[in-house]
Amino acid sequence: MKSTIIITIVLIMTLFTGCKDMGKKAAVVLKNNGINVESGDSVSILGNGTIITTTKRISTASVNGIELKYTGKVTMQVTDTANGINIDESSADISFSGSEIKQTELQISYNEFKPQDATIYLENSTFKARSKSGKPVLIFRIEGVIPRNLKLNIKTDSGDINLTAMQDNPLVSLSSDSGDITIKQAKKWQQASAETDSGDIYFEINQVQNMQVKTDSGDLDISNSNISNLNATTDSGDIHLKNTKIAKRHFSQGSGDLYEE
């Protein structure tokens, strides 16, 4: 059994055409294993963790002309992350907060055709989605509290990536095409990379040995950081440095400007 958690979100359809807010219905809040569960939620206990599925009419999305009026959320606790977390997903926002906990708790939010229609499940270390109706399932957010010193390899196409309070990480690799990448309250990283096409990159890391950053049209903002070796590349984006110490730097810029404070 592999110790690395490979998390690949497999969507039935991936074309997302938009969403809008709708009224949130009131519900009685119950308790299950320390996690809030609303009245009417379905709860399943699996061998590799606890999955709580909730459904509320919060927002609507359209996938290939099919309106998905309901949202659901799956919470899973996983302890086998010895070799890190890998996520390769197309459109969801990714948000992780580091903690001293030993196990990983991930929440996956999604749009579905009708209440309790979708099922998110783990198969061979891969998250998958299916629906009873055969209609699409649109995953729009993956978030959670994770051990703060994990290796991370996260890829997304249009989603944002947000990391907070990650510490003592041996390897962090982040990639998003049009989404932004934000790293805050991080320290003592060894090897890290962040890459976007049009998204902006912002980070504050107290002590990082090697950092490689690349963006085409996005801006790069670095604040309150201490970096031993920084390699930064932009085409048309600007580079902003504020209260940052860099022992060794290599900047490659096209039409963007460099600002230092």
Protein backbone atom coordinates (compact mmCIF):
# COMPACT_ATOMS: atom_id res chain seq x y z
CA MET A 1 0.00 0.00 0.00
CA LYS A 2 1.47 3.35 -0.97
CA SER A 3 1.99 5.78 1.87
CA THR A 4 1.70 8.80 -0.37
CA ILE A 5 -1.81 10.16 -0.59
CA ILE A 6 -2.49 10.80 -4.27
CA ILE A 7 -5.58 12.94 -4.50
CA THR A 8 -6.90 13.32 -8.00
CA ILE A 9 -10.37 14.71 -8.40
CA VAL A 10 -12.06 12.92 -11.27
CA LEU A 11 -15.01 14.92 -12.54
CA ILE A 12 -17.79 13.58 -14.71
CA MET A 13 -17.65 16.81 -16.69
CA THR A 14 -15.22 19.69 -16.25
CA LEU A 15 -16.76 22.61 -18.11
CA PHE A 16 -17.85 25.21 -15.58
CA THR A 17 -19.90 28.10 -16.90
CA GLY A 18 -20.75 30.11 -13.79
CA CYS A 19 -22.46 30.27 -10.42
CA LYS A 20 -24.62 32.69 -8.44
CA ASP A 21 -25.64 33.00 -4.82
CA MET A 22 -29.04 31.78 -3.63
CA GLY A 23 -30.79 31.83 -0.28
CA LYS A 24 -29.40 29.63 2.48
CA LYS A 25 -32.04 27.62 4.34
CA ALA A 26 -32.03 27.37 8.10
CA ALA A 27 -31.28 24.00 9.69
CA VAL A 28 -30.80 22.45 13.10
CA VAL A 29 -27.14 21.75 13.86
CA LEU A 30 -26.25 18.38 15.35
CA LYS A 31 -22.89 16.95 16.46
CA ASN A 32 -21.04 13.92 15.08
CA ASN A 33 -17.46 13.05 16.07
CA GLY A 34 -16.80 16.70 16.90
CA ILE A 35 -17.90 17.91 13.44
CA ASN A 36 -21.05 19.96 12.89
CA VAL A 37 -23.67 18.11 10.87
CA GLU A 38 -26.93 19.71 9.80
CA SER A 39 -30.29 18.05 10.21
CA GLY A 40 -31.05 15.81 7.23
CA ASP A 41 -27.40 15.15 6.40
CA SER A 42 -26.33 11.63 5.51
CA VAL A 43 -23.45 10.19 7.53
CA SER A 44 -21.28 7.24 6.50
CA ILE A 45 -18.38 5.72 8.44
CA LEU A 46 -15.67 4.23 6.21
CA GLY A 47 -12.67 2.10 7.07
CA ASN A 48 -10.12 4.79 6.15
CA GLY A 49 -11.82 7.72 7.86
CA THR A 50 -15.09 9.46 8.56
CA ILE A 51 -17.11 10.88 5.68
CA ILE A 52 -19.89 13.31 6.45
CA THR A 53 -22.02 14.35 3.47
CA THR A 54 -24.06 17.52 3.81
CA THR A 55 -26.47 19.03 1.30
CA LYS A 56 -27.91 22.55 1.25
CA ARG A 57 -29.27 24.83 -1.46
CA ILE A 58 -26.62 27.55 -1.30
CA SER A 59 -25.53 28.20 -4.85
CA THR A 60 -26.15 27.05 -8.38
CA ALA A 61 -23.74 26.14 -11.15
CA SER A 62 -24.17 25.15 -14.78
CA VAL A 63 -22.15 22.36 -16.41
CA ASN A 64 -22.71 21.84 -20.12
CA GLY A 65 -26.17 23.41 -19.80
CA ILE A 66 -27.19 21.26 -16.82
CA GLU A 67 -28.08 23.34 -13.77
CA LEU A 68 -26.65 22.05 -10.49
CA LYS A 69 -28.76 23.77 -7.82
CA TYR A 70 -27.44 22.12 -4.68
CA THR A 71 -24.14 21.96 -2.83
CA GLY A 72 -22.62 19.19 -0.78
CA LYS A 73 -19.54 18.79 1.39
CA VAL A 74 -17.51 15.71 2.25
CA THR A 75 -15.14 15.65 5.25
CA MET A 76 -12.56 12.90 5.47
CA GLN A 77 -9.90 12.25 8.09
CA VAL A 78 -6.82 10.47 6.77
CA THR A 79 -3.78 9.43 8.82
CA ASP A 80 -1.55 7.98 6.07
CA THR A 81 0.35 11.04 4.81
CA ALA A 82 3.90 9.98 5.65
CA ASN A 83 5.21 10.91 2.21
CA GLY A 84 3.07 14.00 1.68
CA ILE A 85 -0.02 15.08 -0.23
CA ASN A 86 -0.38 15.25 -4.01
CA ILE A 87 -3.35 17.01 -5.63
CA ASP A 88 -3.94 17.29 -9.38
CA GLU A 89 -7.32 18.95 -9.97
CA SER A 90 -8.72 21.22 -12.66
CA SER A 91 -11.01 23.94 -11.30
CA ALA A 92 -11.29 23.83 -7.50
CA ASP A 93 -9.75 26.29 -5.05
CA ILE A 94 -7.26 24.64 -2.70
CA SER A 95 -6.80 25.96 0.84
CA PHE A 96 -4.69 24.30 3.55
CA SER A 97 -3.76 25.44 7.06
CA GLY A 98 -0.84 23.83 8.89
CA SER A 99 -1.12 22.55 12.44
CA GLU A 100 0.66 20.27 14.91
CA ILE A 101 -1.95 17.58 14.34
CA LYS A 102 -0.83 14.14 13.14
CA GLN A 103 -3.72 13.37 10.81
CA THR A 104 -5.12 15.15 7.78
CA GLU A 105 -8.70 16.39 7.60
CA LEU A 106 -9.86 17.33 4.12
CA GLN A 107 -13.17 18.87 3.06
CA ILE A 108 -14.42 18.72 -0.51
CA SER A 109 -17.28 21.01 -1.58
CA TYR A 110 -19.23 20.38 -4.77
CA ASN A 111 -22.35 21.25 -6.76
CA GLU A 112 -24.88 18.51 -7.55
CA PHE A 113 -28.14 18.08 -9.45
CA LYS A 114 -30.37 17.24 -6.47
CA PRO A 115 -29.93 16.72 -2.71
CA GLN A 116 -27.65 13.78 -1.81
CA ASP A 117 -27.24 12.91 -5.48
CA ALA A 118 -23.43 12.92 -5.53
CA THR A 119 -20.98 10.62 -3.79
CA ILE A 120 -17.32 11.49 -3.26
CA TYR A 121 -15.27 8.40 -2.42
CA LEU A 122 -11.71 7.18 -2.11
CA GLU A 123 -10.52 4.39 -4.39
CA ASN A 124 -6.89 3.30 -4.67
CA SER A 125 -5.75 6.55 -3.01
CA THR A 126 -7.79 8.59 -5.52
CA PHE A 127 -10.86 10.72 -4.82
CA LYS A 128 -13.64 10.13 -7.34
CA ALA A 129 -17.15 11.52 -7.87
CA ARG A 130 -20.32 9.84 -9.11
CA SER A 131 -24.05 10.65 -8.98
CA LYS A 132 -27.22 8.60 -8.68
CA SER A 133 -28.88 10.61 -11.47
CA GLY A 134 -25.95 10.36 -13.88
CA LYS A 135 -25.77 14.17 -13.93
CA PRO A 136 -22.46 16.06 -13.57
CA VAL A 137 -20.74 16.78 -10.27
CA LEU A 138 -18.71 20.00 -10.03
CA ILE A 139 -16.07 20.17 -7.29
CA PHE A 140 -15.29 23.79 -6.42
CA ARG A 141 -13.26 23.70 -3.19
CA ILE A 142 -10.78 21.46 -1.35
CA GLU A 143 -9.70 22.64 2.08
CA GLY A 144 -8.51 21.37 5.41
CA VAL A 145 -6.19 21.40 8.40
CA ILE A 146 -3.11 19.29 7.74
CA PRO A 147 0.20 18.48 9.49
CA ARG A 148 2.27 21.59 8.96
CA ASN A 149 5.47 19.84 7.84
CA LEU A 150 4.12 17.72 4.97
CA LYS A 151 5.56 17.53 1.50
CA LEU A 152 3.07 19.18 -0.87
CA ASN A 153 2.56 18.85 -4.62
CA ILE A 154 -0.52 20.79 -5.74
CA LYS A 155 -1.68 21.47 -9.30
CA THR A 156 -4.85 23.20 -10.48
CA ASP A 157 -5.90 24.91 -13.72
CA SER A 158 -8.22 27.78 -12.77
CA GLY A 159 -8.38 27.48 -8.98
CA ASP A 160 -6.55 29.53 -6.35
CA ILE A 161 -4.04 27.92 -3.99
CA ASN A 162 -3.76 29.19 -0.41
CA LEU A 163 -1.34 27.88 2.24
CA THR A 164 -1.15 29.17 5.81
CA ALA A 165 1.23 28.33 8.67
CA MET A 166 3.17 25.55 6.94
CA GLN A 167 6.50 24.89 8.66
CA ASP A 168 9.61 22.68 8.32
CA ASN A 169 8.54 21.51 4.86
CA PRO A 170 11.17 19.59 2.89
CA LEU A 171 9.48 20.09 -0.50
CA VAL A 172 6.58 22.26 -1.71
CA SER A 173 5.51 22.47 -5.37
CA LEU A 174 2.54 24.66 -6.40
CA SER A 175 1.13 25.25 -9.88
CA SER A 176 -1.97 27.06 -11.19
CA ASP A 177 -2.70 28.35 -14.68
CA SER A 178 -5.09 31.26 -14.09
CA GLY A 179 -5.51 31.08 -10.32
CA ASP A 180 -3.52 33.00 -7.69
CA ILE A 181 -1.03 31.40 -5.28
CA THR A 182 -0.82 32.79 -1.73
CA ILE A 183 1.53 31.60 1.02
CA LYS A 184 1.38 33.18 4.50
CA GLN A 185 3.00 32.59 7.88
CA ALA A 186 5.35 29.94 6.51
CA LYS A 187 8.85 29.23 7.79
CA LYS A 188 11.78 26.85 7.52
CA TRP A 189 11.15 25.50 4.03
CA GLN A 190 13.91 23.67 2.19
CA GLN A 191 12.88 23.46 -1.48
CA ALA A 192 9.87 25.28 -2.95
CA SER A 193 8.45 26.29 -6.32
CA ALA A 194 5.39 28.28 -7.43
CA GLU A 195 4.24 28.72 -11.03
CA THR A 196 1.29 30.44 -12.74
CA ASP A 197 0.39 31.68 -16.21
CA SER A 198 -1.85 34.68 -15.49
CA GLY A 199 -2.32 34.34 -11.74
CA ASP A 200 -0.49 36.44 -9.15
CA ILE A 201 1.94 34.93 -6.62
CA TYR A 202 2.26 36.29 -3.08
CA PHE A 203 4.31 34.77 -0.32
CA GLU A 204 5.87 35.45 3.05
CA ILE A 205 8.28 32.75 4.22
CA ASN A 206 10.65 33.15 7.15
CA GLN A 207 13.64 31.06 6.07
CA VAL A 208 13.52 29.17 2.79
CA GLN A 209 16.65 27.61 1.30
CA ASN A 210 15.75 27.44 -2.39
CA MET A 211 12.75 29.13 -4.01
CA GLN A 212 11.85 29.06 -7.70
CA VAL A 213 9.02 31.26 -8.93
CA LYS A 214 7.65 31.69 -12.45
CA THR A 215 4.68 33.64 -13.82
CA ASP A 216 3.87 34.88 -17.30
CA SER A 217 1.51 37.86 -16.89
CA GLY A 218 0.91 37.69 -13.14
CA ASP A 219 2.67 39.81 -10.52
CA LEU A 220 5.07 38.47 -7.88
CA ASP A 221 4.84 39.93 -4.36
CA ILE A 222 7.30 38.86 -1.66
CA SER A 223 7.03 40.28 1.87
CA ASN A 224 8.66 39.61 5.24
CA SER A 225 10.76 36.78 3.85
CA ASN A 226 14.28 35.47 4.32
CA ILE A 227 15.51 33.55 1.27
CA SER A 228 18.89 31.92 0.71
CA ASN A 229 18.48 31.41 -3.04
CA LEU A 230 15.69 32.89 -5.21
CA ASN A 231 15.18 32.30 -8.93
CA ALA A 232 12.26 34.40 -10.24
CA THR A 233 10.98 34.66 -13.82
CA THR A 234 8.22 36.91 -15.19
CA ASP A 235 7.24 37.94 -18.71
CA SER A 236 4.99 40.98 -18.27
CA GLY A 237 4.37 40.81 -14.53
CA ASP A 238 5.96 43.09 -11.93
CA ILE A 239 8.10 41.94 -9.00
CA HIS A 240 7.50 43.61 -5.61
CA LEU A 241 9.91 43.05 -2.68
CA LYS A 242 9.07 44.36 0.80
CA ASN A 243 11.05 43.79 3.99
CA THR A 244 12.75 40.79 2.40
CA LYS A 245 16.34 39.50 2.61
CA ILE A 246 17.70 37.48 -0.32
CA ALA A 247 21.26 36.13 -0.08
CA LYS A 248 21.46 35.06 -3.72
CA ARG A 249 19.06 36.14 -6.45
CA HIS A 250 18.47 35.65 -10.14
CA PHE A 251 15.65 37.64 -11.77
CA SER A 252 14.57 37.22 -15.38
CA GLN A 253 12.00 39.81 -16.50
CA GLY A 254 10.39 40.79 -19.79
CA SER A 255 8.38 44.01 -19.71
CA GLY A 256 7.62 43.94 -15.98
CA ASP A 257 9.17 46.25 -13.39
CA LEU A 258 11.05 45.57 -10.14
CA TYR A 259 10.08 47.42 -6.94
CA GLU A 260 11.98 47.13 -3.65
CA GLU A 261 11.07 48.57 -0.25
